[in-house]
């Protein structure tokens, strides 16, 4: 996946506007760990991309820090 690629998820088209990068994903339990001083153990790291919606009612909206593995690249 690279900048400019068209990708798809749930019948919605997206355009990649930032190449894959490493991001830290947190859920509610991770925020509790951070609050109690164990932030170094919180979250999981994975590949993320920033995408722009290219179809549907929200055309032009940019989504940041999306998990890269949920998208299918369109050739």
Protein backbone atom coordinates (compact mmCIF):
# COMPACT_ATOMS: atom_id res chain seq x y z
CA UNK A 1 0.00 0.00 0.00
CA UNK A 2 1.36 3.41 -0.97
CA UNK A 3 0.15 6.99 -1.25
CA UNK A 4 -2.44 7.31 -4.02
CA UNK A 5 -3.64 3.70 -3.93
CA UNK A 6 -7.36 3.05 -3.98
CA UNK A 7 -8.53 0.72 -1.23
CA UNK A 8 -11.92 -0.67 -0.28
CA UNK A 9 -13.73 -1.56 2.94
CA UNK A 10 -17.43 -2.42 3.29
CA UNK A 11 -18.19 -1.30 -0.30
CA UNK A 12 -16.75 2.18 0.36
CA UNK A 13 -13.76 3.44 -1.65
CA UNK A 14 -10.87 5.24 -0.01
CA UNK A 15 -7.66 6.84 -1.27
CA UNK A 16 -4.47 6.40 0.78
CA UNK A 17 -3.12 9.87 1.67
CA UNK A 18 -0.31 8.75 4.00
CA UNK A 19 1.83 5.65 3.56
CA UNK A 20 1.68 2.93 6.25
CA UNK A 21 3.32 3.87 9.55
CA UNK A 22 3.60 2.29 12.99
CA UNK A 23 0.89 3.38 15.41
CA UNK A 24 -0.06 2.53 18.96
CA UNK A 25 -3.70 1.50 19.38
CA UNK A 26 -5.34 1.86 22.79
CA UNK A 27 -8.66 0.67 24.23
CA UNK A 28 -10.41 1.51 27.52
CA UNK A 29 -8.34 -0.98 29.55
CA UNK A 30 -5.15 0.58 28.23
CA UNK A 31 -6.21 4.02 29.46
CA UNK A 32 -6.79 2.52 32.91
CA UNK A 33 -3.29 1.04 32.84
CA UNK A 34 -1.86 4.43 31.89
CA UNK A 35 -3.79 6.12 34.72
CA UNK A 36 -2.33 3.62 37.22
CA UNK A 37 1.26 4.15 36.08
CA UNK A 38 1.68 1.13 33.80
CA UNK A 39 1.55 2.98 30.49
CA UNK A 40 4.59 1.17 29.12
CA UNK A 41 2.50 -2.04 28.99
CA UNK A 42 -0.61 -0.46 27.45
CA UNK A 43 -1.76 -0.81 23.87
CA UNK A 44 -0.74 -2.74 20.81
CA UNK A 45 1.39 -1.57 17.92
CA UNK A 46 0.39 -2.08 14.32
CA UNK A 47 0.43 -0.63 10.84
CA UNK A 48 -1.84 2.36 10.21
CA UNK A 49 -2.71 4.52 7.20
CA UNK A 50 -4.53 7.81 6.69
CA UNK A 51 -7.25 7.62 4.03
CA UNK A 52 -9.72 9.92 2.31
CA UNK A 53 -13.27 8.74 1.59
CA UNK A 54 -13.91 8.64 -2.17
CA UNK A 55 -17.53 7.35 -2.27
CA UNK A 56 -20.69 7.60 -0.22
CA UNK A 57 -22.19 10.58 1.63
CA UNK A 58 -18.92 11.67 3.30
CA UNK A 59 -16.77 12.18 0.19
CA UNK A 60 -13.59 14.14 0.94
CA UNK A 61 -13.48 13.36 4.68
CA UNK A 62 -10.04 12.23 5.89
CA UNK A 63 -9.74 9.41 8.41
CA UNK A 64 -6.52 9.20 10.38
CA UNK A 65 -4.79 6.27 12.08
CA UNK A 66 -6.88 3.53 10.45
CA UNK A 67 -5.72 -0.06 10.87
CA UNK A 68 -4.16 -0.96 7.55
CA UNK A 69 -5.16 -4.64 7.57
CA UNK A 70 -8.90 -3.84 7.28
CA UNK A 71 -8.56 -2.43 3.75
CA UNK A 72 -8.39 -4.33 0.47
CA UNK A 73 -6.20 -2.79 -2.23
CA UNK A 74 -7.87 -2.28 -5.61
CA UNK A 75 -5.61 -3.02 -8.59
